[in-house]
Amino acid sequence: MNYFYILLALVAAYLLGSIPTALWVGRRFFGLADIREHGSGNAGATNTFRVLGPKAGSAVLLVDALKGFVAAYFLPAWLVAQGAIAPEHELYFKLACGVLAIVGHIFPVFAQFRGGKGVATVLGMMLGVAPATVGVCMLVFIVMLLLFRYVSLASMTAGLTFALLQLLPQFRPAQPFMIYVGFVLAALLIYTHRANIERLRSGTESRVPLFGRK
């Protein structure tokens, strides 16, 4: 193993996740000093949709997902290409780089360690690590959103679905360690949505208007 390259990739994964997309889009294109001072106070795609509209929200969602995908897919592939790690160890580094990108998104060094909730970056990581599960998780997200119109509830349910799918024979990973990572990610999403959970319990959580419904 080449430990210098490994350390470089791990640091790069965290820094990549730390890119505060919502803050930069708000400042550059809307003259908004800090999107965290508006809406839900979150620097993620959902609050960007709420505060700045669908175009800005879609851009933030795409970039935040790309952060997770690039970290989980391309950085470990680069390590293998450089001979820094053996190919059979690539999955472990996919998980490590993906998780570090998510941590960077939630606790970004470029934004006073106050970032988003990690949903889009988790999605990107899933695409890089376990793409077969992504379609099912997105379907669960859409169904939950249509039924209840809570983005937070849909996001947590999709995250838990990702973890549970690893237990099924059709989706069971070659490395059982990935099952534990799936449940850690689900727990992390629940943790970052703890304020939303309190609002759901009190009935004050904001609903997404769909098809003209308020």
C-alpha atoms as a PDB file:
ATOM      1  CA  MET A   1       0.000   0.000   0.000  1.00  0.00           C
ATOM      2  CA  ASN A   2       1.052   3.560  -0.697  1.00  0.00           C
ATOM      3  CA  TYR A   3      -0.020   5.383   2.452  1.00  0.00           C
ATOM      4  CA  PHE A   4       0.678   8.837   1.048  1.00  0.00           C
ATOM      5  CA  TYR A   5      -1.747   8.307  -1.843  1.00  0.00           C
ATOM      6  CA  ILE A   6      -4.289   6.768   0.516  1.00  0.00           C
ATOM      7  CA  LEU A   7      -4.112   9.745   2.868  1.00  0.00           C
ATOM      8  CA  LEU A   8      -4.347  12.099  -0.109  1.00  0.00           C
ATOM      9  CA  ALA A   9      -7.508  10.366  -1.345  1.00  0.00           C
ATOM     10  CA  LEU A  10      -9.145  10.377   2.096  1.00  0.00           C
ATOM     11  CA  VAL A  11      -8.428  14.076   2.634  1.00  0.00           C
ATOM     12  CA  ALA A  12      -9.649  14.829  -0.894  1.00  0.00           C
ATOM     13  CA  ALA A  13     -12.909  12.961  -0.181  1.00  0.00           C
ATOM     14  CA  TYR A  14     -13.576  15.065   2.902  1.00  0.00           C
ATOM     15  CA  LEU A  15     -12.668  18.328   1.162  1.00  0.00           C
ATOM     16  CA  LEU A  16     -14.832  17.396  -1.817  1.00  0.00           C
ATOM     17  CA  GLY A  17     -17.776  16.787   0.493  1.00  0.00           C
ATOM     18  CA  SER A  18     -17.060  20.087   2.237  1.00  0.00           C
ATOM     19  CA  ILE A  19     -17.847  22.140  -0.871  1.00  0.00           C
ATOM     20  CA  PRO A  20     -20.811  24.234   0.383  1.00  0.00           C
ATOM     21  CA  THR A  21     -22.794  24.165  -2.838  1.00  0.00           C
ATOM     22  CA  ALA A  22     -25.945  25.794  -1.481  1.00  0.00           C
ATOM     23  CA  LEU A  23     -24.022  28.659   0.095  1.00  0.00           C
ATOM     24  CA  TRP A  24     -21.990  29.343  -3.032  1.00  0.00           C
ATOM     25  CA  VAL A  25     -24.995  29.171  -5.376  1.00  0.00           C
ATOM     26  CA  GLY A  26     -26.926  31.539  -3.104  1.00  0.00           C
ATOM     27  CA  ARG A  27     -24.074  34.037  -2.966  1.00  0.00           C
ATOM     28  CA  ARG A  28     -22.982  33.869  -6.597  1.00  0.00           C
ATOM     29  CA  PHE A  29     -26.322  33.887  -8.376  1.00  0.00           C
ATOM     30  CA  PHE A  30     -28.805  35.335  -5.865  1.00  0.00           C
ATOM     31  CA  GLY A  31     -26.774  37.736  -3.742  1.00  0.00           C
ATOM     32  CA  LEU A  32     -27.765  35.794  -0.627  1.00  0.00           C
ATOM     33  CA  ALA A  33     -25.112  36.147   2.063  1.00  0.00           C
ATOM     34  CA  ASP A  34     -25.959  32.884   3.832  1.00  0.00           C
ATOM     35  CA  ILE A  35     -28.804  30.555   2.885  1.00  0.00           C
ATOM     36  CA  ARG A  36     -28.615  29.103   6.399  1.00  0.00           C
ATOM     37  CA  GLU A  37     -30.241  32.304   7.635  1.00  0.00           C
ATOM     38  CA  HIS A  38     -33.370  31.538   5.592  1.00  0.00           C
ATOM     39  CA  GLY A  39     -35.956  28.787   5.389  1.00  0.00           C
ATOM     40  CA  SER A  40     -35.077  25.784   7.510  1.00  0.00           C
ATOM     41  CA  GLY A  41     -31.590  27.125   8.217  1.00  0.00           C
ATOM     42  CA  ASN A  42     -30.013  24.232   6.359  1.00  0.00           C
ATOM     43  CA  ALA A  43     -27.349  24.372   3.638  1.00  0.00           C
ATOM     44  CA  GLY A  44     -28.750  21.592   1.487  1.00  0.00           C
ATOM     45  CA  ALA A  45     -30.780  20.974  -1.637  1.00  0.00           C
ATOM     46  CA  THR A  46     -34.193  20.905   0.070  1.00  0.00           C
ATOM     47  CA  ASN A  47     -33.755  24.327   1.642  1.00  0.00           C
ATOM     48  CA  THR A  48     -32.363  25.643  -1.638  1.00  0.00           C
ATOM     49  CA  PHE A  49     -35.540  24.482  -3.405  1.00  0.00           C
ATOM     50  CA  ARG A  50     -37.577  26.211  -0.706  1.00  0.00           C
ATOM     51  CA  VAL A  51     -35.654  29.499  -0.634  1.00  0.00           C
ATOM     52  CA  LEU A  52     -34.225  29.918  -4.142  1.00  0.00           C
ATOM     53  CA  GLY A  53     -36.517  27.845  -6.340  1.00  0.00           C
ATOM     54  CA  PRO A  54     -36.376  24.645  -8.418  1.00  0.00           C
ATOM     55  CA  LYS A  55     -33.516  25.612 -10.753  1.00  0.00           C
ATOM     56  CA  ALA A  56     -31.133  26.448  -7.930  1.00  0.00           C
ATOM     57  CA  GLY A  57     -32.351  23.484  -5.899  1.00  0.00           C
ATOM     58  CA  SER A  58     -31.806  21.081  -8.788  1.00  0.00           C
ATOM     59  CA  ALA A  59     -28.286  22.409  -9.351  1.00  0.00           C
ATOM     60  CA  VAL A  60     -27.401  22.004  -5.675  1.00  0.00           C
ATOM     61  CA  LEU A  61     -28.915  18.513  -5.605  1.00  0.00           C
ATOM     62  CA  LEU A  62     -26.870  17.451  -8.642  1.00  0.00           C
ATOM     63  CA  VAL A  63     -23.564  18.830  -7.360  1.00  0.00           C
ATOM     64  CA  ASP A  64     -24.069  17.461  -3.845  1.00  0.00           C
ATOM     65  CA  ALA A  65     -24.819  14.015  -5.285  1.00  0.00           C
ATOM     66  CA  LEU A  66     -21.767  14.255  -7.538  1.00  0.00           C
ATOM     67  CA  LYS A  67     -19.608  14.911  -4.480  1.00  0.00           C
ATOM     68  CA  GLY A  68     -20.593  11.530  -3.036  1.00  0.00           C
ATOM     69  CA  PHE A  69     -20.289   9.732  -6.360  1.00  0.00           C
ATOM     70  CA  VAL A  70     -16.843  11.097  -7.249  1.00  0.00           C
ATOM     71  CA  ALA A  71     -15.536  10.370  -3.764  1.00  0.00           C
ATOM     72  CA  ALA A  72     -16.883   6.815  -3.647  1.00  0.00           C
ATOM     73  CA  TYR A  73     -16.216   5.809  -7.258  1.00  0.00           C
ATOM     74  CA  PHE A  74     -13.349   7.753  -8.798  1.00  0.00           C
ATOM     75  CA  LEU A  75     -11.021   8.279  -5.836  1.00  0.00           C
ATOM     76  CA  PRO A  76     -10.749   4.540  -4.985  1.00  0.00           C
ATOM     77  CA  ALA A  77     -10.420   3.722  -8.701  1.00  0.00           C
ATOM     78  CA  TRP A  78      -7.540   6.213  -8.834  1.00  0.00           C
ATOM     79  CA  LEU A  79      -5.903   4.485  -5.876  1.00  0.00           C
ATOM     80  CA  VAL A  80      -6.124   1.141  -7.673  1.00  0.00           C
ATOM     81  CA  ALA A  81      -4.755   2.652 -10.893  1.00  0.00           C
ATOM     82  CA  GLN A  82      -1.798   4.100  -8.965  1.00  0.00           C
ATOM     83  CA  GLY A  83      -1.107   0.749  -7.344  1.00  0.00           C
ATOM     84  CA  ALA A  84      -1.711   2.297  -3.925  1.00  0.00           C
ATOM     85  CA  ILE A  85      -4.235  -0.395  -2.967  1.00  0.00           C
ATOM     86  CA  ALA A  86      -5.036  -3.875  -4.217  1.00  0.00           C
ATOM     87  CA  PRO A  87      -8.192  -4.232  -6.351  1.00  0.00           C
ATOM     88  CA  GLU A  88      -9.764  -6.543  -3.767  1.00  0.00           C
ATOM     89  CA  HIS A  89      -9.574  -3.710  -1.227  1.00  0.00           C
ATOM     90  CA  GLU A  90     -11.307  -1.161  -3.459  1.00  0.00           C
ATOM     91  CA  LEU A  91     -14.733  -1.599  -1.853  1.00  0.00           C
ATOM     92  CA  TYR A  92     -13.387  -0.695   1.573  1.00  0.00           C
ATOM     93  CA  PHE A  93     -11.973   2.528   0.207  1.00  0.00           C
ATOM     94  CA  LYS A  94     -15.185   3.247  -1.681  1.00  0.00           C
ATOM     95  CA  LEU A  95     -16.980   3.117   1.640  1.00  0.00           C
ATOM     96  CA  ALA A  96     -14.317   5.137   3.449  1.00  0.00           C
ATOM     97  CA  CYS A  97     -14.147   7.875   0.810  1.00  0.00           C
ATOM     98  CA  GLY A  98     -17.924   7.997   0.469  1.00  0.00           C
ATOM     99  CA  VAL A  99     -18.470   8.317   4.208  1.00  0.00           C
ATOM    100  CA  LEU A 100     -15.818  11.044   4.446  1.00  0.00           C
ATOM    101  CA  ALA A 101     -17.564  12.991   1.677  1.00  0.00           C
ATOM    102  CA  ILE A 102     -20.836  12.730   3.602  1.00  0.00           C
ATOM    103  CA  VAL A 103     -19.137  13.872   6.799  1.00  0.00           C
ATOM    104  CA  GLY A 104     -17.650  16.768   4.839  1.00  0.00           C
ATOM    105  CA  HIS A 105     -21.076  17.745   3.549  1.00  0.00           C
ATOM    106  CA  ILE A 106     -22.569  17.710   7.054  1.00  0.00           C
ATOM    107  CA  PHE A 107     -19.545  19.331   8.721  1.00  0.00           C
ATOM    108  CA  PRO A 108     -17.859  21.358   5.944  1.00  0.00           C
ATOM    109  CA  VAL A 109     -14.510  22.932   6.742  1.00  0.00           C
ATOM    110  CA  PHE A 110     -15.308  25.669   4.186  1.00  0.00           C
ATOM    111  CA  ALA A 111     -18.539  26.726   5.946  1.00  0.00           C
ATOM    112  CA  GLN A 112     -17.852  26.780   9.691  1.00  0.00           C
ATOM    113  CA  PHE A 113     -18.716  23.053   9.914  1.00  0.00           C
ATOM    114  CA  ARG A 114     -22.430  23.805   9.392  1.00  0.00           C
ATOM    115  CA  GLY A 115     -23.606  22.073   6.247  1.00  0.00           C
ATOM    116  CA  GLY A 116     -26.513  20.022   4.944  1.00  0.00           C
ATOM    117  CA  LYS A 117     -28.094  16.809   6.125  1.00  0.00           C
ATOM    118  CA  GLY A 118     -26.263  14.524   3.726  1.00  0.00           C
ATOM    119  CA  VAL A 119     -29.162  13.079   1.736  1.00  0.00           C
ATOM    120  CA  ALA A 120     -27.938  14.006  -1.759  1.00  0.00           C
ATOM    121  CA  THR A 121     -24.354  13.018  -0.931  1.00  0.00           C
ATOM    122  CA  VAL A 122     -25.529   9.663   0.409  1.00  0.00           C
ATOM    123  CA  LEU A 123     -27.398   9.185  -2.867  1.00  0.00           C
ATOM    124  CA  GLY A 124     -24.208   9.868  -4.802  1.00  0.00           C
ATOM    125  CA  MET A 125     -22.275   7.438  -2.642  1.00  0.00           C
ATOM    126  CA  MET A 126     -24.928   4.772  -3.236  1.00  0.00           C
ATOM    127  CA  LEU A 127     -24.501   5.237  -6.986  1.00  0.00           C
ATOM    128  CA  GLY A 128     -20.771   4.705  -6.619  1.00  0.00           C
ATOM    129  CA  VAL A 129     -20.919   1.746  -4.235  1.00  0.00           C
ATOM    130  CA  ALA A 130     -24.215  -0.107  -4.721  1.00  0.00           C
ATOM    131  CA  PRO A 131     -25.981   1.206  -7.846  1.00  0.00           C
ATOM    132  CA  ALA A 132     -28.428  -1.718  -7.917  1.00  0.00           C
ATOM    133  CA  THR A 133     -30.124  -0.362  -4.791  1.00  0.00           C
ATOM    134  CA  VAL A 134     -30.524   3.200  -6.023  1.00  0.00           C
ATOM    135  CA  GLY A 135     -33.626   2.639  -8.150  1.00  0.00           C
ATOM    136  CA  VAL A 136     -35.475   0.950  -5.279  1.00  0.00           C
ATOM    137  CA  CYS A 137     -34.470   3.652  -2.792  1.00  0.00           C
ATOM    138  CA  MET A 138     -35.536   6.438  -5.153  1.00  0.00           C
ATOM    139  CA  LEU A 139     -38.875   4.705  -5.723  1.00  0.00           C
ATOM    140  CA  VAL A 140     -39.411   4.479  -1.960  1.00  0.00           C
ATOM    141  CA  PHE A 141     -38.520   8.175  -1.641  1.00  0.00           C
ATOM    142  CA  ILE A 142     -41.003   9.189  -4.341  1.00  0.00           C
ATOM    143  CA  VAL A 143     -43.816   7.039  -2.937  1.00  0.00           C
ATOM    144  CA  MET A 144     -43.303   8.376   0.587  1.00  0.00           C
ATOM    145  CA  LEU A 145     -43.153  11.943  -0.703  1.00  0.00           C
ATOM    146  CA  LEU A 146     -46.377  11.513  -2.701  1.00  0.00           C
ATOM    147  CA  LEU A 147     -48.148   9.898   0.242  1.00  0.00           C
ATOM    148  CA  PHE A 148     -47.075  12.201   3.049  1.00  0.00           C
ATOM    149  CA  ARG A 149     -45.379  15.208   1.351  1.00  0.00           C
ATOM    150  CA  TYR A 150     -42.569  15.303   3.913  1.00  0.00           C
ATOM    151  CA  VAL A 151     -39.092  15.387   2.348  1.00  0.00           C
ATOM    152  CA  SER A 152     -37.510  14.547   5.688  1.00  0.00           C
ATOM    153  CA  LEU A 153     -39.641  11.431   6.192  1.00  0.00           C
ATOM    154  CA  ALA A 154     -39.075  10.318   2.599  1.00  0.00           C
ATOM    155  CA  SER A 155     -35.304  10.803   2.962  1.00  0.00           C
ATOM    156  CA  MET A 156     -35.041   8.840   6.212  1.00  0.00           C
ATOM    157  CA  THR A 157     -37.209   6.032   4.846  1.00  0.00           C
ATOM    158  CA  ALA A 158     -35.099   5.792   1.682  1.00  0.00           C
ATOM    159  CA  GLY A 159     -31.926   5.677   3.782  1.00  0.00           C
ATOM    160  CA  LEU A 160     -33.317   2.880   5.932  1.00  0.00           C
ATOM    161  CA  THR A 161     -34.398   1.057   2.775  1.00  0.00           C
ATOM    162  CA  PHE A 162     -30.804   1.168   1.520  1.00  0.00           C
ATOM    163  CA  ALA A 163     -29.651  -0.532   4.721  1.00  0.00           C
ATOM    164  CA  LEU A 164     -32.394  -3.167   4.705  1.00  0.00           C
ATOM    165  CA  LEU A 165     -31.874  -4.032   1.042  1.00  0.00           C
ATOM    166  CA  GLN A 166     -28.380  -5.259   1.889  1.00  0.00           C
ATOM    167  CA  LEU A 167     -29.980  -8.070   3.888  1.00  0.00           C
ATOM    168  CA  LEU A 168     -31.870  -9.452   0.892  1.00  0.00           C
ATOM    169  CA  PRO A 169     -30.222 -12.148  -1.271  1.00  0.00           C
ATOM    170  CA  GLN A 170     -30.768 -10.098  -4.439  1.00  0.00           C
ATOM    171  CA  PHE A 171     -28.808  -7.132  -3.054  1.00  0.00           C
ATOM    172  CA  ARG A 172     -26.516  -8.783  -0.510  1.00  0.00           C
ATOM    173  CA  PRO A 173     -22.983  -7.401  -0.956  1.00  0.00           C
ATOM    174  CA  ALA A 174     -19.929  -9.569  -1.428  1.00  0.00           C
ATOM    175  CA  GLN A 175     -18.426  -7.967   1.680  1.00  0.00           C
ATOM    176  CA  PRO A 176     -20.708  -8.269   4.753  1.00  0.00           C
ATOM    177  CA  PHE A 177     -18.991  -5.180   6.199  1.00  0.00           C
ATOM    178  CA  MET A 178     -21.056  -3.094   3.801  1.00  0.00           C
ATOM    179  CA  ILE A 179     -24.231  -4.140   5.628  1.00  0.00           C
ATOM    180  CA  TYR A 180     -22.984  -2.429   8.792  1.00  0.00           C
ATOM    181  CA  VAL A 181     -22.043   0.683   6.827  1.00  0.00           C
ATOM    182  CA  GLY A 182     -25.566   0.796   5.393  1.00  0.00           C
ATOM    183  CA  PHE A 183     -27.101   0.875   8.865  1.00  0.00           C
ATOM    184  CA  VAL A 184     -24.556   3.462  10.024  1.00  0.00           C
ATOM    185  CA  LEU A 185     -25.590   5.698   7.112  1.00  0.00           C
ATOM    186  CA  ALA A 186     -29.272   5.203   7.941  1.00  0.00           C
ATOM    187  CA  ALA A 187     -28.574   6.135  11.575  1.00  0.00           C
ATOM    188  CA  LEU A 188     -26.594   9.177  10.417  1.00  0.00           C
ATOM    189  CA  LEU A 189     -29.504  10.403   8.283  1.00  0.00           C
ATOM    190  CA  ILE A 190     -31.864   9.968  11.217  1.00  0.00           C
ATOM    191  CA  TYR A 191     -29.427  11.911  13.409  1.00  0.00           C
ATOM    192  CA  THR A 192     -29.150  14.813  10.969  1.00  0.00           C
ATOM    193  CA  HIS A 193     -32.956  14.913  10.734  1.00  0.00           C
ATOM    194  CA  ARG A 194     -33.514  14.908  14.507  1.00  0.00           C
ATOM    195  CA  ALA A 195     -35.035  18.413  14.430  1.00  0.00           C
ATOM    196  CA  ASN A 196     -37.354  17.286  11.624  1.00  0.00           C
ATOM    197  CA  ILE A 197     -38.388  14.277  13.706  1.00  0.00           C
ATOM    198  CA  GLU A 198     -39.395  16.602  16.548  1.00  0.00           C
ATOM    199  CA  ARG A 199     -41.422  18.724  14.129  1.00  0.00           C
ATOM    200  CA  LEU A 200     -43.048  15.600  12.680  1.00  0.00           C
ATOM    201  CA  ARG A 201     -44.042  14.535  16.174  1.00  0.00           C
ATOM    202  CA  SER A 202     -45.469  17.975  16.957  1.00  0.00           C
ATOM    203  CA  GLY A 203     -47.183  18.318  13.565  1.00  0.00           C
ATOM    204  CA  THR A 204     -45.228  21.437  12.585  1.00  0.00           C
ATOM    205  CA  GLU A 205     -43.033  19.952   9.840  1.00  0.00           C
ATOM    206  CA  SER A 206     -43.409  21.717   6.475  1.00  0.00           C
ATOM    207  CA  ARG A 207     -45.090  19.758   3.698  1.00  0.00           C
ATOM    208  CA  VAL A 208     -44.076  19.923   0.049  1.00  0.00           C
ATOM    209  CA  PRO A 209     -46.934  21.242  -2.113  1.00  0.00           C
ATOM    210  CA  LEU A 210     -47.666  18.742  -4.880  1.00  0.00           C
ATOM    211  CA  PHE A 211     -50.053  19.165  -7.784  1.00  0.00           C
ATOM    212  CA  GLY A 212     -51.347  22.427  -6.376  1.00  0.00           C
ATOM    213  CA  ARG A 213     -52.013  20.943  -2.930  1.00  0.00           C
ATOM    214  CA  LYS A 214     -51.129  23.081   0.089  1.00  0.00           C
END
